[in-house]
């Protein structure tokens, strides 16, 4: 088969996959409408069940004692009723949505990088003076368990293992000053941010080794979190691309900065050892009837001041919250934008008059290149999972294209294939593929900026 015929066959298969993907949500919607018309009483019961589940979960999270137990019982019973009533239709709709995601994945896969606007990575030679900093305690001692230091040394990488009392920022600065041309970090996202800031400031290539607990930055870079040793290939057989960093009051972050409820929970000394128990213990104080809303003020997407928000999340590039199988991932790491997500819930003493009578919660999400939060007192903040207290105003900014990231040449990349999402962008792309026009528009470049020192 000639190259032209292979290309034509591939396009035909992608067009068929796009047709299946576009038809699946339409059929799912039709099935729901048919069930509603035939059994209208079931719809009412389902709506009431969902409402009871929502209220029950809220009471389970924000109350103590008997009210918490009653909330759990009510939520479980209502959820069981909802499943029993709409089980057949629900399973059909879930199956069709899964079919949409997988068929869309096949149709969009070859164009994923273009659809997201990511610049293609380019091959680079092996590091001449690669340095890897290792936090041996991160991720339940992942680096120790995998003998990461020995594996890195075997690839000709100089290893610096953190000892108790060491200053990571100083060690990274020293490595940069001594001629490192690739600077890597094996540890959690907070440690990744420190080393990435140093690499960006000195114009050094950076390698992320996912040896922490969650490794969100590694995942959004396209690394396989389950293959830590493969990440070392970035030093010896890698490709390079540029990505953005976020910054708040001179401090760099790779993932996000959280204000409000999350920041208060992370401040607890017991959080690291018992996360769920800490959430259960503190949420009634933070979101219960007697709780006062955080003293945070900022301008919303319409320019009007907002206050009393329970949660403010500022991310290095916006999260996409609609993707099946990967909720909360960032489809792009080079958009030069901050993702801003804020939320307020009814329940606390200061929020009861802040929302319309029929509104239980208010969520706002938008993006921008800068964002400012004002307060009358120092503000607790969770920066890539690390707890800090910063002096207001908190000035957030995106630093576009400042970090040169090296990735394994043959490592798995999330941008190569991805599940489709029910969004305007993906639906338009599927329609374009169905019409035989899969090409996407190119992305304009940006000039990198200087990263201030991280204090």
Protein backbone atom coordinates (compact mmCIF):
# COMPACT_ATOMS: atom_id res chain seq x y z
CA UNK A 1 0.00 0.00 0.00
CA UNK A 2 1.43 3.37 -1.02
CA UNK A 3 1.91 6.20 1.45
CA UNK A 4 -0.95 8.11 -0.16
CA UNK A 5 -3.35 5.17 0.23
CA UNK A 6 -2.26 4.65 3.84
CA UNK A 7 -2.93 8.31 4.58
CA UNK A 8 -6.34 8.10 2.90
CA UNK A 9 -7.23 4.97 4.89
CA UNK A 10 -6.17 6.63 8.14
CA UNK A 11 -8.27 9.69 7.39
CA UNK A 12 -11.27 7.48 6.55
CA UNK A 13 -10.89 5.64 9.88
CA UNK A 14 -10.64 8.92 11.75
CA UNK A 15 -13.75 10.25 9.99
CA UNK A 16 -15.66 7.12 10.99
CA UNK A 17 -14.46 7.52 14.59
CA UNK A 18 -15.53 11.17 14.56
CA UNK A 19 -18.99 10.16 13.32
CA UNK A 20 -19.33 7.61 16.14
CA UNK A 21 -18.12 10.14 18.68
CA UNK A 22 -20.57 12.82 17.55
CA UNK A 23 -23.50 10.39 17.43
CA UNK A 24 -22.91 8.94 20.93
CA UNK A 25 -23.91 12.00 23.05
CA UNK A 26 -26.93 12.62 20.79
CA UNK A 27 -28.15 9.07 21.41
CA UNK A 28 -27.47 9.45 25.14
CA UNK A 29 -29.55 12.62 25.24
CA UNK A 30 -32.35 10.97 23.26
CA UNK A 31 -32.39 8.01 25.66
CA UNK A 32 -32.73 10.35 28.60
CA UNK A 33 -35.56 12.28 26.95
CA UNK A 34 -37.41 9.07 26.07
CA UNK A 35 -37.15 7.79 29.63
CA UNK A 36 -38.42 11.13 30.94
CA UNK A 37 -41.43 11.15 28.60
CA UNK A 38 -42.39 7.56 29.37
CA UNK A 39 -41.85 7.77 33.13
CA UNK A 40 -42.10 11.42 34.28
CA UNK A 41 -42.47 10.39 37.92
CA UNK A 42 -39.03 8.81 37.80
CA UNK A 43 -37.54 12.15 36.77
CA UNK A 44 -39.04 13.87 39.80
CA UNK A 45 -37.73 11.13 42.08
CA UNK A 46 -34.28 11.37 40.54
CA UNK A 47 -34.16 15.14 40.99
CA UNK A 48 -35.24 14.83 44.62
CA UNK A 49 -32.70 12.05 45.21
CA UNK A 50 -29.87 14.16 43.81
CA UNK A 51 -30.94 17.06 46.03
CA UNK A 52 -30.97 14.83 49.11
CA UNK A 53 -27.56 13.40 48.21
CA UNK A 54 -26.14 16.91 47.86
CA UNK A 55 -27.54 18.13 51.17
CA UNK A 56 -26.58 14.89 52.93
CA UNK A 57 -22.97 15.11 51.76
CA UNK A 58 -22.84 18.76 52.78
CA UNK A 59 -24.02 17.94 56.29
CA UNK A 60 -21.60 15.01 56.47
CA UNK A 61 -18.72 17.36 55.64
CA UNK A 62 -19.64 20.44 57.65
CA UNK A 63 -21.37 19.08 60.77
CA UNK A 64 -20.36 16.89 63.69
CA UNK A 65 -22.02 14.22 65.81
CA UNK A 66 -25.59 13.16 65.05
CA UNK A 67 -26.05 15.58 62.14
CA UNK A 68 -22.98 14.17 60.38
CA UNK A 69 -24.26 10.59 60.82
CA UNK A 70 -27.73 11.53 59.56
CA UNK A 71 -26.19 13.27 56.56
CA UNK A 72 -24.24 10.15 55.62
CA UNK A 73 -27.31 7.91 55.99
CA UNK A 74 -29.51 10.25 53.93
CA UNK A 75 -26.90 10.53 51.16
CA UNK A 76 -26.43 6.77 50.92
CA UNK A 77 -30.17 6.02 50.83
CA UNK A 78 -30.89 8.73 48.27
CA UNK A 79 -28.02 7.59 46.06
CA UNK A 80 -29.30 4.00 46.20
CA UNK A 81 -32.79 5.17 45.23
CA UNK A 82 -31.41 7.16 42.28
CA UNK A 83 -29.40 4.20 41.01
CA UNK A 84 -32.32 1.77 41.30
CA UNK A 85 -34.72 4.09 39.48
CA UNK A 86 -32.47 5.14 36.62
CA UNK A 87 -29.99 2.24 36.47
CA UNK A 88 -30.70 1.08 32.91
CA UNK A 89 -30.74 4.57 31.41
CA UNK A 90 -27.74 5.61 33.48
CA UNK A 91 -25.66 2.63 32.33
CA UNK A 92 -26.61 3.30 28.70
CA UNK A 93 -25.65 6.96 28.97
CA UNK A 94 -22.36 6.18 30.69
CA UNK A 95 -21.54 3.61 28.02
CA UNK A 96 -22.31 6.09 25.25
CA UNK A 97 -20.23 8.81 26.90
CA UNK A 98 -17.34 6.38 27.24
CA UNK A 99 -17.75 5.50 23.56
CA UNK A 100 -17.66 9.23 22.76
CA UNK A 101 -14.45 9.66 24.74
CA UNK A 102 -12.65 6.70 23.16
CA UNK A 103 -13.82 7.25 19.59
CA UNK A 104 -13.01 10.94 19.95
CA UNK A 105 -9.59 10.00 21.28
CA UNK A 106 -8.84 8.03 18.13
CA UNK A 107 -10.18 10.77 15.87
CA UNK A 108 -8.37 13.62 17.62
CA UNK A 109 -5.21 11.77 18.60
CA UNK A 110 -2.85 12.68 15.75
CA UNK A 111 -3.89 16.34 16.02
CA UNK A 112 -3.92 16.62 19.80
CA UNK A 113 -0.81 18.80 20.02
CA UNK A 114 -2.11 21.17 17.33
CA UNK A 115 -5.58 21.30 18.84
CA UNK A 116 -4.11 22.28 22.18
CA UNK A 117 -1.60 24.66 20.64
CA UNK A 118 1.44 22.97 22.22
CA UNK A 119 4.71 23.62 20.43
CA UNK A 120 6.39 20.46 19.18
CA UNK A 121 9.32 19.19 21.21
CA UNK A 122 12.74 19.06 19.51
CA UNK A 123 15.48 16.47 20.08
CA UNK A 124 18.51 17.47 22.16
CA UNK A 125 21.85 15.87 22.91
CA UNK A 126 22.82 14.22 26.16
CA UNK A 127 23.52 16.49 29.13
CA UNK A 128 27.20 17.32 29.56
CA UNK A 129 26.87 18.25 33.24
CA UNK A 130 23.52 16.91 34.38
CA UNK A 131 22.64 17.30 38.06
CA UNK A 132 19.76 15.57 39.84
CA UNK A 133 18.61 16.66 43.28
CA UNK A 134 16.80 13.92 45.20
CA UNK A 135 14.49 14.24 48.18
CA UNK A 136 14.72 10.71 49.66
CA UNK A 137 11.61 11.19 51.83
CA UNK A 138 9.20 12.19 49.04
CA UNK A 139 6.49 9.80 47.91
CA UNK A 140 7.01 7.35 50.79
CA UNK A 141 10.74 7.12 49.97
CA UNK A 142 10.18 6.32 46.29
CA UNK A 143 13.73 7.35 45.34
CA UNK A 144 15.24 5.05 47.97
CA UNK A 145 13.01 2.12 47.04
CA UNK A 146 13.93 2.39 43.35
CA UNK A 147 17.65 3.02 43.98
CA UNK A 148 17.26 6.22 42.00
CA UNK A 149 20.63 7.67 42.99
CA UNK A 150 22.51 4.64 41.69
CA UNK A 151 20.44 4.56 38.50
CA UNK A 152 21.18 8.24 37.86
CA UNK A 153 24.89 7.85 38.59
CA UNK A 154 24.99 4.96 36.12
CA UNK A 155 23.80 7.38 33.43
CA UNK A 156 26.57 9.84 34.24
CA UNK A 157 24.31 12.20 36.19
CA UNK A 158 25.71 13.94 39.27
CA UNK A 159 23.43 13.22 42.25
CA UNK A 160 22.78 15.51 45.22
CA UNK A 161 20.70 13.84 47.94
CA UNK A 162 19.00 16.15 50.42
CA UNK A 163 19.88 15.63 54.05
CA UNK A 164 17.92 16.94 57.06
CA UNK A 165 18.40 20.69 57.35
CA UNK A 166 19.55 21.21 53.74
CA UNK A 167 18.21 24.22 51.84
CA UNK A 168 16.97 22.98 48.45
CA UNK A 169 17.08 26.43 46.84
CA UNK A 170 20.71 26.91 47.88
CA UNK A 171 21.71 23.47 46.59
CA UNK A 172 20.05 24.17 43.24
CA UNK A 173 21.74 27.58 42.98
CA UNK A 174 25.11 26.02 43.77
CA UNK A 175 24.64 23.36 41.10
CA UNK A 176 23.74 26.03 38.55
CA UNK A 177 26.77 28.13 39.52
CA UNK A 178 29.06 25.10 39.10
CA UNK A 179 28.08 24.62 35.46
CA UNK A 180 25.04 22.31 35.38
CA UNK A 181 23.45 22.34 31.92
CA UNK A 182 20.47 20.16 32.92
CA UNK A 183 19.03 20.52 36.41
CA UNK A 184 16.60 17.86 37.61
CA UNK A 185 14.50 17.25 40.71
CA UNK A 186 13.22 13.97 42.09
CA UNK A 187 10.57 14.87 44.63
CA UNK A 188 7.15 16.38 45.15
CA UNK A 189 5.62 19.32 43.31
CA UNK A 190 6.75 21.84 45.93
CA UNK A 191 10.36 20.76 45.41
CA UNK A 192 9.86 20.74 41.64
CA UNK A 193 8.82 24.40 41.79
CA UNK A 194 11.98 25.42 43.66
CA UNK A 195 14.34 23.72 41.22
CA UNK A 196 12.32 24.76 38.15
CA UNK A 197 12.54 28.40 39.27
CA UNK A 198 16.31 28.11 39.57
CA UNK A 199 16.63 26.46 36.15
CA UNK A 200 14.47 29.12 34.50
CA UNK A 201 16.33 31.96 36.16
CA UNK A 202 19.68 30.66 34.87
CA UNK A 203 18.41 29.53 31.46
CA UNK A 204 19.22 25.90 32.26
CA UNK A 205 17.21 22.96 30.96
CA UNK A 206 15.07 21.26 33.59
CA UNK A 207 14.13 17.59 34.09
CA UNK A 208 11.18 16.51 36.22
CA UNK A 209 11.51 13.10 37.89
CA UNK A 210 8.13 12.06 39.42
CA UNK A 211 9.28 10.71 42.79
CA UNK A 212 6.72 12.56 44.91
CA UNK A 213 3.28 11.58 46.15
CA UNK A 214 0.95 12.89 43.44
CA UNK A 215 3.28 14.33 40.78
CA UNK A 216 0.65 16.52 39.11
CA UNK A 217 3.27 18.59 37.28
CA UNK A 218 4.86 15.47 35.81
CA UNK A 219 1.49 14.19 34.64
CA UNK A 220 0.62 17.45 32.89
CA UNK A 221 4.04 17.43 31.22
CA UNK A 222 3.13 14.04 29.75
CA UNK A 223 5.41 11.88 31.93
CA UNK A 224 4.41 8.41 33.05
CA UNK A 225 4.22 8.67 36.84
CA UNK A 226 4.42 4.90 37.15
CA UNK A 227 7.83 4.73 35.43
CA UNK A 228 10.10 6.93 37.52
CA UNK A 229 13.35 5.55 36.11
CA UNK A 230 12.26 6.31 32.55
CA UNK A 231 12.24 10.01 33.44
CA UNK A 232 16.05 9.85 33.85
CA UNK A 233 16.31 9.37 30.07
CA UNK A 234 15.60 13.08 29.76
CA UNK A 235 19.27 13.62 30.70
CA UNK A 236 20.66 11.22 28.09
CA UNK A 237 18.11 10.79 25.29
CA UNK A 238 15.56 13.55 25.48
CA UNK A 239 13.49 16.16 23.72
CA UNK A 240 12.99 19.73 24.85
CA UNK A 241 10.04 22.11 24.92
CA UNK A 242 9.25 25.37 26.69
CA UNK A 243 6.48 25.72 29.27
CA UNK A 244 5.17 28.42 31.58
CA UNK A 245 5.50 29.01 35.29
CA UNK A 246 3.23 30.86 37.70
CA UNK A 247 4.33 33.39 40.27
CA UNK A 248 2.88 35.07 43.36
CA UNK A 249 4.76 37.77 45.25
CA UNK A 250 8.08 36.56 43.88
CA UNK A 251 7.45 32.87 44.58
CA UNK A 252 7.22 30.47 41.66
CA UNK A 253 4.70 27.63 41.39
CA UNK A 254 4.38 24.90 38.79
CA UNK A 255 0.80 23.78 39.51
CA UNK A 256 -1.39 26.06 41.58
CA UNK A 257 -1.83 28.31 44.58
CA UNK A 258 -4.83 27.77 46.87
CA UNK A 259 -6.41 30.30 49.23
CA UNK A 260 -9.24 29.82 51.70
CA UNK A 261 -10.38 26.41 52.91
CA UNK A 262 -7.61 24.31 51.36
CA UNK A 263 -4.86 26.62 52.60
CA UNK A 264 -6.22 26.42 56.15
CA UNK A 265 -6.34 22.62 56.08
CA UNK A 266 -2.79 22.33 54.73
CA UNK A 267 -1.58 24.54 57.59
CA UNK A 268 -2.58 21.87 60.09
CA UNK A 269 0.37 19.97 61.51
CA UNK A 270 -1.56 16.69 61.21
CA UNK A 271 -2.34 17.10 57.49
CA UNK A 272 0.69 15.24 56.11
CA UNK A 273 0.11 12.14 58.19
CA UNK A 274 -3.70 11.98 58.11
CA UNK A 275 -5.19 13.97 55.24
CA UNK A 276 -8.77 12.62 55.29
CA UNK A 277 -9.02 12.78 59.06
CA UNK A 278 -7.76 16.37 59.03
CA UNK A 279 -10.34 17.38 56.42
CA UNK A 280 -13.11 15.75 58.44
CA UNK A 281 -11.98 17.51 61.63
CA UNK A 282 -11.53 21.01 60.18
CA UNK A 283 -14.30 21.37 57.58
CA UNK A 284 -17.08 21.97 60.16
CA UNK A 285 -15.06 24.89 61.54
CA UNK A 286 -14.29 26.27 58.07
CA UNK A 287 -17.64 25.78 56.31
CA UNK A 288 -20.15 25.12 59.10
CA UNK A 289 -22.94 27.47 60.24
CA UNK A 290 -20.67 29.43 62.60
CA UNK A 291 -17.75 29.78 60.19
CA UNK A 292 -16.66 33.22 59.03
CA UNK A 293 -15.68 33.52 55.34
CA UNK A 294 -12.01 34.18 54.54
CA UNK A 295 -10.97 37.83 54.31
CA UNK A 296 -10.21 37.75 50.58
CA UNK A 297 -11.16 40.44 48.07
CA UNK A 298 -10.46 40.43 44.33
CA UNK A 299 -11.93 41.65 41.06
CA UNK A 300 -14.05 39.08 39.23
CA UNK A 301 -14.08 38.47 35.46
CA UNK A 302 -16.53 41.37 35.06
CA UNK A 303 -14.27 43.75 36.98
CA UNK A 304 -16.55 43.91 40.03
CA UNK A 305 -15.02 43.28 43.47
CA UNK A 306 -15.79 39.89 45.03
CA UNK A 307 -15.42 38.96 48.68
CA UNK A 308 -16.30 36.14 51.08
CA UNK A 309 -15.14 33.34 48.79
CA UNK A 310 -14.43 30.04 50.55
CA UNK A 311 -11.96 28.91 47.90
CA UNK A 312 -9.66 30.67 45.47
CA UNK A 313 -7.50 28.53 43.18
CA UNK A 314 -4.96 30.13 40.82
CA UNK A 315 -3.22 27.71 38.46
CA UNK A 316 -0.27 27.83 36.10
CA UNK A 317 -2.42 27.52 32.94
CA UNK A 318 -6.13 26.71 33.25
CA UNK A 319 -7.40 23.31 34.32
CA UNK A 320 -9.99 21.58 32.17
CA UNK A 321 -12.66 20.13 34.45
CA UNK A 322 -14.77 18.36 31.82
CA UNK A 323 -12.41 15.67 30.59
CA UNK A 324 -13.52 12.07 31.05
CA UNK A 325 -10.93 9.97 32.81
CA UNK A 326 -8.68 12.90 33.76
CA UNK A 327 -10.64 15.49 35.67
CA UNK A 328 -8.67 18.64 36.43
CA UNK A 329 -5.78 18.16 33.99
CA UNK A 330 -4.21 21.07 32.13
CA UNK A 331 -4.41 20.49 28.36
CA UNK A 332 -1.75 23.16 27.79
CA UNK A 333 1.34 24.17 29.71
CA UNK A 334 2.35 26.95 27.33
CA UNK A 335 -0.74 29.16 26.97
CA UNK A 336 0.72 32.02 29.02
CA UNK A 337 -2.43 32.23 31.15
CA UNK A 338 -3.44 31.81 34.76
CA UNK A 339 -6.49 29.69 35.47
CA UNK A 340 -8.65 31.28 38.19
CA UNK A 341 -11.37 29.30 39.95
CA UNK A 342 -13.30 30.70 42.92
CA UNK A 343 -16.12 29.26 44.98
CA UNK A 344 -18.47 30.28 47.75
CA UNK A 345 -20.97 28.05 49.53
CA UNK A 346 -24.01 28.84 51.60
CA UNK A 347 -23.71 27.71 55.18
CA UNK A 348 -21.18 29.94 56.93
CA UNK A 349 -22.37 32.85 59.01
CA UNK A 350 -20.92 35.46 56.68
CA UNK A 351 -22.21 33.90 53.46
CA UNK A 352 -25.93 33.65 54.16
CA UNK A 353 -26.73 37.05 52.71
CA UNK A 354 -24.04 36.97 50.06
CA UNK A 355 -25.92 34.56 47.79
CA UNK A 356 -29.41 34.76 46.29
CA UNK A 357 -31.99 32.84 48.38
CA UNK A 358 -32.16 29.88 45.98
CA UNK A 359 -28.42 29.62 45.37
CA UNK A 360 -26.53 27.04 47.42
CA UNK A 361 -23.15 27.83 45.90
CA UNK A 362 -21.45 30.23 43.52
CA UNK A 363 -18.58 29.18 41.29
CA UNK A 364 -16.61 31.46 38.98
CA UNK A 365 -13.91 30.43 36.57
CA UNK A 366 -11.89 32.47 34.08
CA UNK A 367 -8.33 33.01 32.89
CA UNK A 368 -5.95 35.93 32.66
CA UNK A 369 -2.31 36.92 32.65
CA UNK A 370 -2.44 38.54 36.10
CA UNK A 371 -4.62 38.43 39.22
CA UNK A 372 -4.56 40.23 42.57
CA UNK A 373 -6.05 39.25 45.95
CA UNK A 374 -6.40 41.81 48.73
CA UNK A 375 -6.81 41.26 52.46
CA UNK A 376 -6.46 43.15 55.73
CA UNK A 377 -4.19 40.48 57.26
CA UNK A 378 -1.49 38.01 56.18
CA UNK A 379 -2.96 35.34 53.92
CA UNK A 380 -2.40 31.56 54.35
CA UNK A 381 -1.70 29.96 50.98
CA UNK A 382 -1.07 26.44 49.75
CA UNK A 383 1.61 26.73 47.06
CA UNK A 384 2.01 23.45 45.16
CA UNK A 385 0.87 21.72 48.35
CA UNK A 386 3.29 23.61 50.61
CA UNK A 387 1.85 25.83 53.36
CA UNK A 388 2.94 29.48 53.47
CA UNK A 389 1.68 32.81 54.81
CA UNK A 390 2.14 35.81 52.49
CA UNK A 391 1.72 39.54 53.01
CA UNK A 392 -1.10 41.06 50.92
CA UNK A 393 -1.75 42.13 48.31
CA UNK A 394 -1.07 38.82 46.59
CA UNK A 395 -0.06 39.56 43.00
CA UNK A 396 -0.21 36.55 40.68
CA UNK A 397 1.35 36.53 37.21
CA UNK A 398 1.98 34.06 34.41
CA UNK A 399 5.58 33.74 33.23
CA UNK A 400 5.20 32.49 29.64
CA UNK A 401 7.76 30.20 28.08
CA UNK A 402 10.42 30.70 30.76
CA UNK A 403 11.19 27.04 31.49
CA UNK A 404 13.02 24.70 29.12
CA UNK A 405 11.79 21.23 30.02
CA UNK A 406 13.56 18.06 28.94
CA UNK A 407 11.46 14.92 28.56
CA UNK A 408 12.40 11.34 27.63
CA UNK A 409 12.43 10.94 23.85
CA UNK A 410 10.55 7.64 24.02
CA UNK A 411 8.44 8.35 27.10
CA UNK A 412 4.67 8.36 27.08
CA UNK A 413 3.21 11.78 26.30
CA UNK A 414 -0.31 12.76 27.28
CA UNK A 415 -0.50 15.11 24.30
CA UNK A 416 -0.16 12.29 21.75
CA UNK A 417 -3.51 10.68 22.52
CA UNK A 418 -6.24 11.97 24.79
CA UNK A 419 -9.90 11.30 25.48
CA UNK A 420 -12.33 13.73 23.92
CA UNK A 421 -14.44 16.04 26.07
CA UNK A 422 -17.90 17.47 25.46
CA UNK A 423 -16.57 20.97 24.81
CA UNK A 424 -17.00 23.38 21.93
CA UNK A 425 -13.34 22.98 20.96
CA UNK A 426 -13.45 19.20 20.73
CA UNK A 427 -16.86 19.10 19.05
CA UNK A 428 -15.71 21.61 16.42
CA UNK A 429 -12.56 19.56 15.86
CA UNK A 430 -14.59 16.36 15.44
CA UNK A 431 -16.88 18.06 12.93
CA UNK A 432 -13.82 19.28 11.04
CA UNK A 433 -12.38 15.76 10.96
CA UNK A 434 -15.73 14.33 9.82
CA UNK A 435 -15.67 16.79 6.92
CA UNK A 436 -12.17 15.61 6.02
CA UNK A 437 -10.38 18.76 7.23
CA UNK A 438 -8.43 17.77 10.36
CA UNK A 439 -5.88 20.58 10.20
CA UNK A 440 -5.77 23.00 13.14
CA UNK A 441 -4.55 26.57 13.24
CA UNK A 442 -0.92 27.19 14.29
CA UNK A 443 -0.06 28.92 17.52
CA UNK A 444 1.67 32.26 17.70
CA UNK A 445 4.95 32.40 19.61
CA UNK A 446 5.81 34.38 22.70
CA UNK A 447 8.91 36.00 24.10
CA UNK A 448 10.18 34.52 27.35
CA UNK A 449 10.40 36.62 30.50
CA UNK A 450 12.91 36.68 33.30
CA UNK A 451 11.96 34.74 36.42
CA UNK A 452 12.54 36.74 39.63
CA UNK A 453 14.33 35.06 42.49
CA UNK A 454 12.10 32.74 44.54
CA UNK A 455 12.32 33.73 48.18
